[in-house]
Amino acid sequence: IGGTSLFGGRGSIIGSVLGAFIVQVFTTGLSLARVDDYWQQFAAGILVIVAVTLDQQLRRATK
């Protein structure tokens, strides 16, 4: 999330900060919707897993 790859070589501080902001807005929205803390963490984890999976798929598609 935010353009920072697990394998290095690309990304920026601004992208990382933006990614952290997106995750925080997401979890704050869930909190305002009175979603239990457990499910907030679960949803944030799924968001990260989806972002990593999409990054991997895009890497494979460009090779």
PDB file of N, CA and C in Angstrom:
ATOM      1  N   ILE A   1       0.861  -1.167   0.000  1.00  0.00           N
ATOM      2  CA  ILE A   1       0.000   0.000   0.000  1.00  0.00           C
ATOM      3  C   ILE A   1       0.904   1.225   0.000  1.00  0.00           C
ATOM      4  N   GLY A   2       0.688   2.101  -0.936  1.00  0.00           N
ATOM      5  CA  GLY A   2       1.491   3.310  -0.984  1.00  0.00           C
ATOM      6  C   GLY A   2       2.676   3.227  -1.919  1.00  0.00           C
ATOM      7  N   GLY A   3       2.841   2.110  -2.607  1.00  0.00           N
ATOM      8  CA  GLY A   3       3.901   2.007  -3.591  1.00  0.00           C
ATOM      9  C   GLY A   3       5.199   1.424  -3.100  1.00  0.00           C
ATOM     10  N   THR A   4       5.304   1.043  -1.844  1.00  0.00           N
ATOM     11  CA  THR A   4       6.531   0.437  -1.347  1.00  0.00           C
ATOM     12  C   THR A   4       6.450  -1.065  -1.550  1.00  0.00           C
ATOM     13  N   SER A   5       7.410  -1.618  -2.267  1.00  0.00           N
ATOM     14  CA  SER A   5       7.418  -3.041  -2.564  1.00  0.00           C
ATOM     15  C   SER A   5       8.165  -3.812  -1.485  1.00  0.00           C
ATOM     16  N   LEU A   6       7.752  -5.040  -1.251  1.00  0.00           N
ATOM     17  CA  LEU A   6       8.445  -5.906  -0.302  1.00  0.00           C
ATOM     18  C   LEU A   6       9.843  -6.256  -0.787  1.00  0.00           C
ATOM     19  N   PHE A   7      10.071  -6.163  -2.094  1.00  0.00           N
ATOM     20  CA  PHE A   7      11.343  -6.555  -2.675  1.00  0.00           C
ATOM     21  C   PHE A   7      12.283  -5.379  -2.907  1.00  0.00           C
ATOM     22  N   GLY A   8      11.877  -4.186  -2.490  1.00  0.00           N
ATOM     23  CA  GLY A   8      12.734  -3.013  -2.635  1.00  0.00           C
ATOM     24  C   GLY A   8      12.788  -2.516  -4.062  1.00  0.00           C
ATOM     25  N   GLY A   9      13.578  -1.485  -4.259  1.00  0.00           N
ATOM     26  CA  GLY A   9      13.795  -0.984  -5.603  1.00  0.00           C
ATOM     27  C   GLY A   9      12.818   0.070  -6.063  1.00  0.00           C
ATOM     28  N   ARG A  10      11.728   0.224  -5.369  1.00  0.00           N
ATOM     29  CA  ARG A  10      10.788   1.271  -5.755  1.00  0.00           C
ATOM     30  C   ARG A  10       9.963   1.669  -4.545  1.00  0.00           C
ATOM     31  N   GLY A  11       9.317   2.804  -4.657  1.00  0.00           N
ATOM     32  CA  GLY A  11       8.536   3.322  -3.544  1.00  0.00           C
ATOM     33  C   GLY A  11       9.110   4.633  -3.066  1.00  0.00           C
ATOM     34  N   SER A  12       8.370   5.291  -2.212  1.00  0.00           N
ATOM     35  CA  SER A  12       8.820   6.582  -1.698  1.00  0.00           C
ATOM     36  C   SER A  12       8.261   6.787  -0.300  1.00  0.00           C
ATOM     37  N   ILE A  13       8.827   7.739   0.376  1.00  0.00           N
ATOM     38  CA  ILE A  13       8.330   8.072   1.709  1.00  0.00           C
ATOM     39  C   ILE A  13       6.906   8.608   1.608  1.00  0.00           C
ATOM     40  N   ILE A  14       6.662   9.448   0.626  1.00  0.00           N
ATOM     41  CA  ILE A  14       5.320  10.012   0.449  1.00  0.00           C
ATOM     42  C   ILE A  14       4.308   8.901   0.178  1.00  0.00           C
ATOM     43  N   GLY A  15       4.671   7.939  -0.660  1.00  0.00           N
ATOM     44  CA  GLY A  15       3.781   6.820  -0.937  1.00  0.00           C
ATOM     45  C   GLY A  15       3.501   5.989   0.301  1.00  0.00           C
ATOM     46  N   SER A  16       4.524   5.772   1.104  1.00  0.00           N
ATOM     47  CA  SER A  16       4.348   5.008   2.337  1.00  0.00           C
ATOM     48  C   SER A  16       3.454   5.743   3.328  1.00  0.00           C
ATOM     49  N   VAL A  17       3.660   7.054   3.449  1.00  0.00           N
ATOM     50  CA  VAL A  17       2.816   7.856   4.341  1.00  0.00           C
ATOM     51  C   VAL A  17       1.377   7.852   3.838  1.00  0.00           C
ATOM     52  N   LEU A  18       1.200   7.969   2.537  1.00  0.00           N
ATOM     53  CA  LEU A  18      -0.139   7.924   1.956  1.00  0.00           C
ATOM     54  C   LEU A  18      -0.793   6.568   2.210  1.00  0.00           C
ATOM     55  N   GLY A  19      -0.037   5.497   2.074  1.00  0.00           N
ATOM     56  CA  GLY A  19      -0.564   4.165   2.351  1.00  0.00           C
ATOM     57  C   GLY A  19      -0.980   4.003   3.799  1.00  0.00           C
ATOM     58  N   ALA A  20      -0.160   4.507   4.722  1.00  0.00           N
ATOM     59  CA  ALA A  20      -0.511   4.453   6.144  1.00  0.00           C
ATOM     60  C   ALA A  20      -1.766   5.278   6.412  1.00  0.00           C
ATOM     61  N   PHE A  21      -1.885   6.409   5.735  1.00  0.00           N
ATOM     62  CA  PHE A  21      -3.070   7.252   5.876  1.00  0.00           C
ATOM     63  C   PHE A  21      -4.320   6.515   5.396  1.00  0.00           C
ATOM     64  N   ILE A  22      -4.211   5.816   4.276  1.00  0.00           N
ATOM     65  CA  ILE A  22      -5.349   5.064   3.742  1.00  0.00           C
ATOM     66  C   ILE A  22      -5.796   3.991   4.727  1.00  0.00           C
ATOM     67  N   VAL A  23      -4.847   3.251   5.284  1.00  0.00           N
ATOM     68  CA  VAL A  23      -5.187   2.211   6.258  1.00  0.00           C
ATOM     69  C   VAL A  23      -5.832   2.840   7.488  1.00  0.00           C
ATOM     70  N   GLN A  24      -5.311   3.971   7.942  1.00  0.00           N
ATOM     71  CA  GLN A  24      -5.871   4.630   9.126  1.00  0.00           C
ATOM     72  C   GLN A  24      -7.286   5.132   8.869  1.00  0.00           C
ATOM     73  N   VAL A  25      -7.528   5.722   7.710  1.00  0.00           N
ATOM     74  CA  VAL A  25      -8.874   6.184   7.366  1.00  0.00           C
ATOM     75  C   VAL A  25      -9.828   4.994   7.306  1.00  0.00           C
ATOM     76  N   PHE A  26      -9.367   3.895   6.750  1.00  0.00           N
ATOM     77  CA  PHE A  26     -10.168   2.676   6.657  1.00  0.00           C
ATOM     78  C   PHE A  26     -10.560   2.183   8.050  1.00  0.00           C
ATOM     79  N   THR A  27      -9.593   2.072   8.955  1.00  0.00           N
ATOM     80  CA  THR A  27      -9.889   1.567  10.298  1.00  0.00           C
ATOM     81  C   THR A  27     -10.703   2.579  11.111  1.00  0.00           C
ATOM     82  N   THR A  28     -10.473   3.868  10.895  1.00  0.00           N
ATOM     83  CA  THR A  28     -11.282   4.874  11.584  1.00  0.00           C
ATOM     84  C   THR A  28     -12.734   4.803  11.123  1.00  0.00           C
ATOM     85  N   GLY A  29     -12.935   4.596   9.845  1.00  0.00           N
ATOM     86  CA  GLY A  29     -14.294   4.430   9.328  1.00  0.00           C
ATOM     87  C   GLY A  29     -14.989   3.229   9.944  1.00  0.00           C
ATOM     88  N   LEU A  30     -14.246   2.141  10.083  1.00  0.00           N
ATOM     89  CA  LEU A  30     -14.828   0.960  10.722  1.00  0.00           C
ATOM     90  C   LEU A  30     -15.141   1.234  12.188  1.00  0.00           C
ATOM     91  N   SER A  31     -14.284   1.994  12.848  1.00  0.00           N
ATOM     92  CA  SER A  31     -14.512   2.346  14.249  1.00  0.00           C
ATOM     93  C   SER A  31     -15.758   3.215  14.396  1.00  0.00           C
ATOM     94  N   LEU A  32     -15.918   4.182  13.512  1.00  0.00           N
ATOM     95  CA  LEU A  32     -17.104   5.039  13.546  1.00  0.00           C
ATOM     96  C   LEU A  32     -18.376   4.247  13.261  1.00  0.00           C
ATOM     97  N   ALA A  33     -18.232   3.172  12.492  1.00  0.00           N
ATOM     98  CA  ALA A  33     -19.370   2.295  12.211  1.00  0.00           C
ATOM     99  C   ALA A  33     -19.605   1.301  13.347  1.00  0.00           C
ATOM    100  N   ARG A  34     -18.826   1.453  14.426  1.00  0.00           N
ATOM    101  CA  ARG A  34     -18.933   0.616  15.622  1.00  0.00           C
ATOM    102  C   ARG A  34     -18.643  -0.859  15.346  1.00  0.00           C
ATOM    103  N   VAL A  35     -17.678  -1.090  14.457  1.00  0.00           N
ATOM    104  CA  VAL A  35     -17.223  -2.451  14.190  1.00  0.00           C
ATOM    105  C   VAL A  35     -16.260  -2.838  15.310  1.00  0.00           C
ATOM    106  N   ASP A  36     -16.379  -4.058  15.802  1.00  0.00           N
ATOM    107  CA  ASP A  36     -15.538  -4.551  16.889  1.00  0.00           C
ATOM    108  C   ASP A  36     -14.053  -4.456  16.514  1.00  0.00           C
ATOM    109  N   ASP A  37     -13.201  -4.204  17.517  1.00  0.00           N
ATOM    110  CA  ASP A  37     -11.759  -4.056  17.281  1.00  0.00           C
ATOM    111  C   ASP A  37     -11.154  -5.266  16.583  1.00  0.00           C
ATOM    112  N   TYR A  38     -11.591  -6.457  16.945  1.00  0.00           N
ATOM    113  CA  TYR A  38     -11.080  -7.679  16.317  1.00  0.00           C
ATOM    114  C   TYR A  38     -11.318  -7.635  14.813  1.00  0.00           C
ATOM    115  N   TRP A  39     -12.515  -7.274  14.410  1.00  0.00           N
ATOM    116  CA  TRP A  39     -12.855  -7.255  12.989  1.00  0.00           C
ATOM    117  C   TRP A  39     -12.180  -6.096  12.262  1.00  0.00           C
ATOM    118  N   GLN A  40     -11.896  -5.014  12.973  1.00  0.00           N
ATOM    119  CA  GLN A  40     -11.136  -3.916  12.367  1.00  0.00           C
ATOM    120  C   GLN A  40      -9.735  -4.382  12.005  1.00  0.00           C
ATOM    121  N   GLN A  41      -9.095  -5.081  12.929  1.00  0.00           N
ATOM    122  CA  GLN A  41      -7.751  -5.601  12.665  1.00  0.00           C
ATOM    123  C   GLN A  41      -7.782  -6.651  11.562  1.00  0.00           C
ATOM    124  N   PHE A  42      -8.807  -7.481  11.578  1.00  0.00           N
ATOM    125  CA  PHE A  42      -8.962  -8.504  10.545  1.00  0.00           C
ATOM    126  C   PHE A  42      -9.100  -7.848   9.168  1.00  0.00           C
ATOM    127  N   ALA A  43      -9.952  -6.832   9.070  1.00  0.00           N
ATOM    128  CA  ALA A  43     -10.172  -6.143   7.794  1.00  0.00           C
ATOM    129  C   ALA A  43      -8.906  -5.427   7.323  1.00  0.00           C
ATOM    130  N   ALA A  44      -8.171  -4.817   8.242  1.00  0.00           N
ATOM    131  CA  ALA A  44      -6.917  -4.152   7.869  1.00  0.00           C
ATOM    132  C   ALA A  44      -5.905  -5.176   7.367  1.00  0.00           C
ATOM    133  N   GLY A  45      -5.864  -6.337   7.988  1.00  0.00           N
ATOM    134  CA  GLY A  45      -4.975  -7.408   7.531  1.00  0.00           C
ATOM    135  C   GLY A  45      -5.339  -7.886   6.138  1.00  0.00           C
ATOM    136  N   ILE A  46      -6.631  -8.046   5.893  1.00  0.00           N
ATOM    137  CA  ILE A  46      -7.093  -8.448   4.555  1.00  0.00           C
ATOM    138  C   ILE A  46      -6.712  -7.382   3.529  1.00  0.00           C
ATOM    139  N   LEU A  47      -6.845  -6.112   3.897  1.00  0.00           N
ATOM    140  CA  LEU A  47      -6.464  -5.020   2.999  1.00  0.00           C
ATOM    141  C   LEU A  47      -4.993  -5.112   2.615  1.00  0.00           C
ATOM    142  N   VAL A  48      -4.133  -5.386   3.582  1.00  0.00           N
ATOM    143  CA  VAL A  48      -2.695  -5.516   3.314  1.00  0.00           C
ATOM    144  C   VAL A  48      -2.421  -6.740   2.446  1.00  0.00           C
ATOM    145  N   ILE A  49      -3.072  -7.861   2.743  1.00  0.00           N
ATOM    146  CA  ILE A  49      -2.881  -9.082   1.946  1.00  0.00           C
ATOM    147  C   ILE A  49      -3.305  -8.849   0.500  1.00  0.00           C
ATOM    148  N   VAL A  50      -4.421  -8.179   0.300  1.00  0.00           N
ATOM    149  CA  VAL A  50      -4.889  -7.882  -1.059  1.00  0.00           C
ATOM    150  C   VAL A  50      -3.889  -6.974  -1.775  1.00  0.00           C
ATOM    151  N   ALA A  51      -3.353  -5.980  -1.084  1.00  0.00           N
ATOM    152  CA  ALA A  51      -2.377  -5.071  -1.695  1.00  0.00           C
ATOM    153  C   ALA A  51      -1.113  -5.818  -2.107  1.00  0.00           C
ATOM    154  N   VAL A  52      -0.629  -6.713  -1.257  1.00  0.00           N
ATOM    155  CA  VAL A  52       0.576  -7.488  -1.581  1.00  0.00           C
ATOM    156  C   VAL A  52       0.300  -8.424  -2.753  1.00  0.00           C
ATOM    157  N   THR A  53      -0.869  -9.058  -2.758  1.00  0.00           N
ATOM    158  CA  THR A  53      -1.230  -9.965  -3.851  1.00  0.00           C
ATOM    159  C   THR A  53      -1.315  -9.213  -5.176  1.00  0.00           C
ATOM    160  N   LEU A  54      -1.939  -8.045  -5.161  1.00  0.00           N
ATOM    161  CA  LEU A  54      -2.018  -7.247  -6.386  1.00  0.00           C
ATOM    162  C   LEU A  54      -0.638  -6.818  -6.862  1.00  0.00           C
ATOM    163  N   ASP A  55       0.235  -6.454  -5.938  1.00  0.00           N
ATOM    164  CA  ASP A  55       1.602  -6.083  -6.299  1.00  0.00           C
ATOM    165  C   ASP A  55       2.310  -7.254  -6.972  1.00  0.00           C
ATOM    166  N   GLN A  56       2.145  -8.444  -6.435  1.00  0.00           N
ATOM    167  CA  GLN A  56       2.773  -9.630  -7.017  1.00  0.00           C
ATOM    168  C   GLN A  56       2.223  -9.915  -8.413  1.00  0.00           C
ATOM    169  N   GLN A  57       0.916  -9.799  -8.572  1.00  0.00           N
ATOM    170  CA  GLN A  57       0.306 -10.051  -9.878  1.00  0.00           C
ATOM    171  C   GLN A  57       0.794  -9.036 -10.910  1.00  0.00           C
ATOM    172  N   LEU A  58       0.906  -7.780 -10.515  1.00  0.00           N
ATOM    173  CA  LEU A  58       1.400  -6.755 -11.444  1.00  0.00           C
ATOM    174  C   LEU A  58       2.858  -6.987 -11.802  1.00  0.00           C
ATOM    175  N   ARG A  59       3.661  -7.441 -10.846  1.00  0.00           N
ATOM    176  CA  ARG A  59       5.073  -7.758 -11.128  1.00  0.00           C
ATOM    177  C   ARG A  59       5.180  -8.893 -12.141  1.00  0.00           C
ATOM    178  N   ARG A  60       4.368  -9.915 -11.970  1.00  0.00           N
ATOM    179  CA  ARG A  60       4.414 -11.063 -12.891  1.00  0.00           C
ATOM    180  C   ARG A  60       3.926 -10.673 -14.274  1.00  0.00           C
ATOM    181  N   ALA A  61       2.941  -9.790 -14.337  1.00  0.00           N
ATOM    182  CA  ALA A  61       2.393  -9.376 -15.624  1.00  0.00           C
ATOM    183  C   ALA A  61       3.387  -8.535 -16.420  1.00  0.00           C
ATOM    184  N   THR A  62       4.281  -7.818 -15.738  1.00  0.00           N
ATOM    185  CA  THR A  62       5.237  -6.968 -16.445  1.00  0.00           C
ATOM    186  C   THR A  62       6.486  -7.717 -16.877  1.00  0.00           C
ATOM    187  N   LYS A  63       6.672  -8.936 -16.407  1.00  0.00           N
ATOM    188  CA  LYS A  63       7.863  -9.714 -16.796  1.00  0.00           C
ATOM    189  C   LYS A  63       7.658 -10.443 -18.085  1.00  0.00           C
TER     190      LYS A  63
END
